[in-house]
Amino acid sequence: MMHLWDEGRADAKAVFAAIGKPRRITLNTVQSTVERLHRKGLLTREKVSHAYVYAPRVSREEYGAEVMHGVVRDLLGGKLEPVLAAFVDLTARVGHGELTRLERLVSERKEREAKK
């Protein structure tokens, strides 16, 4: 997914050349993986000549948000407080500027929600 997020589109052979070969992963494994990601709805595919060209269906940000929703739902029983506390702590470790940015993002979201 990271390669396709960076590149936009690629067939399995291009993905293999970029990440499979250096890691000693077979072309067959790369082909199977992109096909599974397509079946899971994470990649689109288009037939170009004799090969499928794959592209991300979701952005990194959308995928990250979905993963976080799954963690909260499955591991924490839907309780947000531990995640929020961990997120604020992590943000604080990065620096004061990031805490300020987080505050701004929360304020902007509140404003958008109030307008609905």
C-alpha atoms as a PDB file:
ATOM      1  CA  MET A   1       0.000   0.000   0.000  1.00  0.00           C
ATOM      2  CA  MET A   2       2.770   2.430   0.885  1.00  0.00           C
ATOM      3  CA  HIS A   3       4.380   1.993  -2.531  1.00  0.00           C
ATOM      4  CA  LEU A   4       1.084   2.604  -4.304  1.00  0.00           C
ATOM      5  CA  TRP A   5       0.301   5.611  -2.114  1.00  0.00           C
ATOM      6  CA  ASP A   6       3.681   7.033  -3.110  1.00  0.00           C
ATOM      7  CA  GLU A   7       3.498   6.118  -6.811  1.00  0.00           C
ATOM      8  CA  GLY A   8      -0.239   6.353  -7.457  1.00  0.00           C
ATOM      9  CA  ARG A   9      -0.570   3.408  -9.845  1.00  0.00           C
ATOM     10  CA  ALA A  10       1.465   0.330 -10.747  1.00  0.00           C
ATOM     11  CA  ASP A  11       1.137  -3.208 -12.002  1.00  0.00           C
ATOM     12  CA  ALA A  12       2.325  -6.147  -9.911  1.00  0.00           C
ATOM     13  CA  LYS A  13       5.641  -6.355 -11.783  1.00  0.00           C
ATOM     14  CA  ALA A  14       6.442  -2.724 -10.978  1.00  0.00           C
ATOM     15  CA  VAL A  15       5.538  -3.268  -7.321  1.00  0.00           C
ATOM     16  CA  PHE A  16       7.733  -6.380  -7.343  1.00  0.00           C
ATOM     17  CA  ALA A  17      10.662  -4.476  -8.852  1.00  0.00           C
ATOM     18  CA  ALA A  18      10.345  -1.679  -6.311  1.00  0.00           C
ATOM     19  CA  ILE A  19       9.757  -3.618  -3.107  1.00  0.00           C
ATOM     20  CA  GLY A  20       9.591  -7.352  -3.751  1.00  0.00           C
ATOM     21  CA  LYS A  21      12.945  -7.927  -5.371  1.00  0.00           C
ATOM     22  CA  PRO A  22      14.987  -5.961  -2.807  1.00  0.00           C
ATOM     23  CA  ARG A  23      13.243  -7.858   0.009  1.00  0.00           C
ATOM     24  CA  ARG A  24      13.523 -11.223  -1.748  1.00  0.00           C
ATOM     25  CA  ILE A  25       9.752 -11.583  -2.013  1.00  0.00           C
ATOM     26  CA  THR A  26       8.591 -13.506  -5.059  1.00  0.00           C
ATOM     27  CA  LEU A  27       6.563 -11.959  -7.875  1.00  0.00           C
ATOM     28  CA  ASN A  28       3.837 -14.508  -7.139  1.00  0.00           C
ATOM     29  CA  THR A  29       3.602 -13.263  -3.545  1.00  0.00           C
ATOM     30  CA  VAL A  30       3.371  -9.640  -4.709  1.00  0.00           C
ATOM     31  CA  GLN A  31       0.673 -10.569  -7.258  1.00  0.00           C
ATOM     32  CA  SER A  32      -1.299 -12.448  -4.603  1.00  0.00           C
ATOM     33  CA  THR A  33      -0.982  -9.570  -2.173  1.00  0.00           C
ATOM     34  CA  VAL A  34      -2.183  -6.847  -4.536  1.00  0.00           C
ATOM     35  CA  GLU A  35      -5.056  -9.089  -5.610  1.00  0.00           C
ATOM     36  CA  ARG A  36      -6.091  -9.637  -1.973  1.00  0.00           C
ATOM     37  CA  LEU A  37      -5.891  -5.895  -1.328  1.00  0.00           C
ATOM     38  CA  HIS A  38      -8.117  -5.377  -4.371  1.00  0.00           C
ATOM     39  CA  ARG A  39     -10.678  -7.926  -3.103  1.00  0.00           C
ATOM     40  CA  LYS A  40     -10.681  -6.188   0.291  1.00  0.00           C
ATOM     41  CA  GLY A  41     -11.559  -2.918  -1.430  1.00  0.00           C
ATOM     42  CA  LEU A  42      -8.277  -1.158  -0.694  1.00  0.00           C
ATOM     43  CA  LEU A  43      -7.103  -1.090  -4.325  1.00  0.00           C
ATOM     44  CA  THR A  44      -8.817  -0.477  -7.634  1.00  0.00           C
ATOM     45  CA  ARG A  45      -7.573  -2.253 -10.715  1.00  0.00           C
ATOM     46  CA  GLU A  46      -7.786  -1.621 -14.427  1.00  0.00           C
ATOM     47  CA  LYS A  47      -6.810  -3.977 -17.230  1.00  0.00           C
ATOM     48  CA  VAL A  48      -4.077  -2.364 -19.310  1.00  0.00           C
ATOM     49  CA  SER A  49      -2.844  -4.570 -22.138  1.00  0.00           C
ATOM     50  CA  HIS A  50      -2.090  -7.918 -20.525  1.00  0.00           C
ATOM     51  CA  ALA A  51      -1.744  -6.773 -16.897  1.00  0.00           C
ATOM     52  CA  TYR A  52      -3.823  -5.191 -14.175  1.00  0.00           C
ATOM     53  CA  VAL A  53      -2.744  -1.775 -12.979  1.00  0.00           C
ATOM     54  CA  TYR A  54      -3.570  -1.199  -9.318  1.00  0.00           C
ATOM     55  CA  ALA A  55      -4.208   2.090  -7.524  1.00  0.00           C
ATOM     56  CA  PRO A  56      -5.197   2.937  -3.952  1.00  0.00           C
ATOM     57  CA  ARG A  57      -8.923   3.253  -3.402  1.00  0.00           C
ATOM     58  CA  VAL A  58      -8.370   4.991  -0.065  1.00  0.00           C
ATOM     59  CA  SER A  59      -5.799   7.557   1.021  1.00  0.00           C
ATOM     60  CA  ARG A  60      -3.263   6.925   3.774  1.00  0.00           C
ATOM     61  CA  GLU A  61      -5.291   9.216   6.004  1.00  0.00           C
ATOM     62  CA  GLU A  62      -8.566   7.400   5.331  1.00  0.00           C
ATOM     63  CA  TYR A  63      -6.900   4.047   5.935  1.00  0.00           C
ATOM     64  CA  GLY A  64      -5.283   5.276   9.162  1.00  0.00           C
ATOM     65  CA  ALA A  65      -8.631   6.552  10.413  1.00  0.00           C
ATOM     66  CA  GLU A  66     -10.268   3.206   9.606  1.00  0.00           C
ATOM     67  CA  VAL A  67      -7.530   1.324  11.464  1.00  0.00           C
ATOM     68  CA  MET A  68      -8.005   3.573  14.490  1.00  0.00           C
ATOM     69  CA  HIS A  69     -11.768   3.004  14.412  1.00  0.00           C
ATOM     70  CA  GLY A  70     -11.106  -0.740  14.393  1.00  0.00           C
ATOM     71  CA  VAL A  71      -8.705  -0.505  17.339  1.00  0.00           C
ATOM     72  CA  VAL A  72     -11.170   1.510  19.375  1.00  0.00           C
ATOM     73  CA  ARG A  73     -14.054  -0.799  18.475  1.00  0.00           C
ATOM     74  CA  ASP A  74     -12.300  -4.166  18.760  1.00  0.00           C
ATOM     75  CA  LEU A  75      -9.618  -3.696  21.407  1.00  0.00           C
ATOM     76  CA  LEU A  76     -11.086  -1.018  23.625  1.00  0.00           C
ATOM     77  CA  GLY A  77     -14.775  -1.875  23.417  1.00  0.00           C
ATOM     78  CA  GLY A  78     -15.577   1.480  21.853  1.00  0.00           C
ATOM     79  CA  LYS A  79     -14.057   3.486  24.732  1.00  0.00           C
ATOM     80  CA  LEU A  80     -12.280   6.528  23.333  1.00  0.00           C
ATOM     81  CA  GLU A  81     -10.669   7.948  26.461  1.00  0.00           C
ATOM     82  CA  PRO A  82      -7.549   5.696  26.440  1.00  0.00           C
ATOM     83  CA  VAL A  83      -6.946   6.481  22.767  1.00  0.00           C
ATOM     84  CA  LEU A  84      -7.455  10.200  23.242  1.00  0.00           C
ATOM     85  CA  ALA A  85      -5.121  10.273  26.249  1.00  0.00           C
ATOM     86  CA  ALA A  86      -2.458   8.322  24.359  1.00  0.00           C
ATOM     87  CA  PHE A  87      -2.843  10.578  21.349  1.00  0.00           C
ATOM     88  CA  VAL A  88      -2.452  13.749  23.423  1.00  0.00           C
ATOM     89  CA  ASP A  89       0.617  12.270  25.173  1.00  0.00           C
ATOM     90  CA  LEU A  90       2.164  11.317  21.841  1.00  0.00           C
ATOM     91  CA  THR A  91       1.440  14.748  20.414  1.00  0.00           C
ATOM     92  CA  ALA A  92       2.989  16.422  23.475  1.00  0.00           C
ATOM     93  CA  ARG A  93       6.161  14.346  23.063  1.00  0.00           C
ATOM     94  CA  VAL A  94       6.558  15.634  19.519  1.00  0.00           C
ATOM     95  CA  GLY A  95       6.477  19.213  20.728  1.00  0.00           C
ATOM     96  CA  HIS A  96       4.437  22.151  21.935  1.00  0.00           C
ATOM     97  CA  GLY A  97       3.756  23.251  18.369  1.00  0.00           C
ATOM     98  CA  GLU A  98       1.985  19.989  17.657  1.00  0.00           C
ATOM     99  CA  LEU A  99      -0.246  20.407  20.708  1.00  0.00           C
ATOM    100  CA  THR A 100      -1.178  23.852  19.403  1.00  0.00           C
ATOM    101  CA  ARG A 101      -1.907  22.339  16.005  1.00  0.00           C
ATOM    102  CA  LEU A 102      -4.070  19.653  17.638  1.00  0.00           C
ATOM    103  CA  GLU A 103      -6.027  22.318  19.499  1.00  0.00           C
ATOM    104  CA  ARG A 104      -6.584  24.180  16.223  1.00  0.00           C
ATOM    105  CA  LEU A 105      -7.786  21.009  14.482  1.00  0.00           C
ATOM    106  CA  VAL A 106     -10.231  20.287  17.313  1.00  0.00           C
ATOM    107  CA  SER A 107     -11.542  23.877  17.192  1.00  0.00           C
ATOM    108  CA  GLU A 108     -11.983  23.722  13.417  1.00  0.00           C
ATOM    109  CA  ARG A 109     -13.886  20.446  13.698  1.00  0.00           C
ATOM    110  CA  LYS A 110     -16.140  21.868  16.409  1.00  0.00           C
ATOM    111  CA  GLU A 111     -16.922  24.854  14.189  1.00  0.00           C
ATOM    112  CA  ARG A 112     -17.763  22.599  11.217  1.00  0.00           C
ATOM    113  CA  GLU A 113     -20.003  20.421  13.397  1.00  0.00           C
ATOM    114  CA  ALA A 114     -21.784  23.478  14.797  1.00  0.00           C
ATOM    115  CA  LYS A 115     -22.611  24.655  11.257  1.00  0.00           C
ATOM    116  CA  LYS A 116     -24.352  21.382  10.368  1.00  0.00           C
END
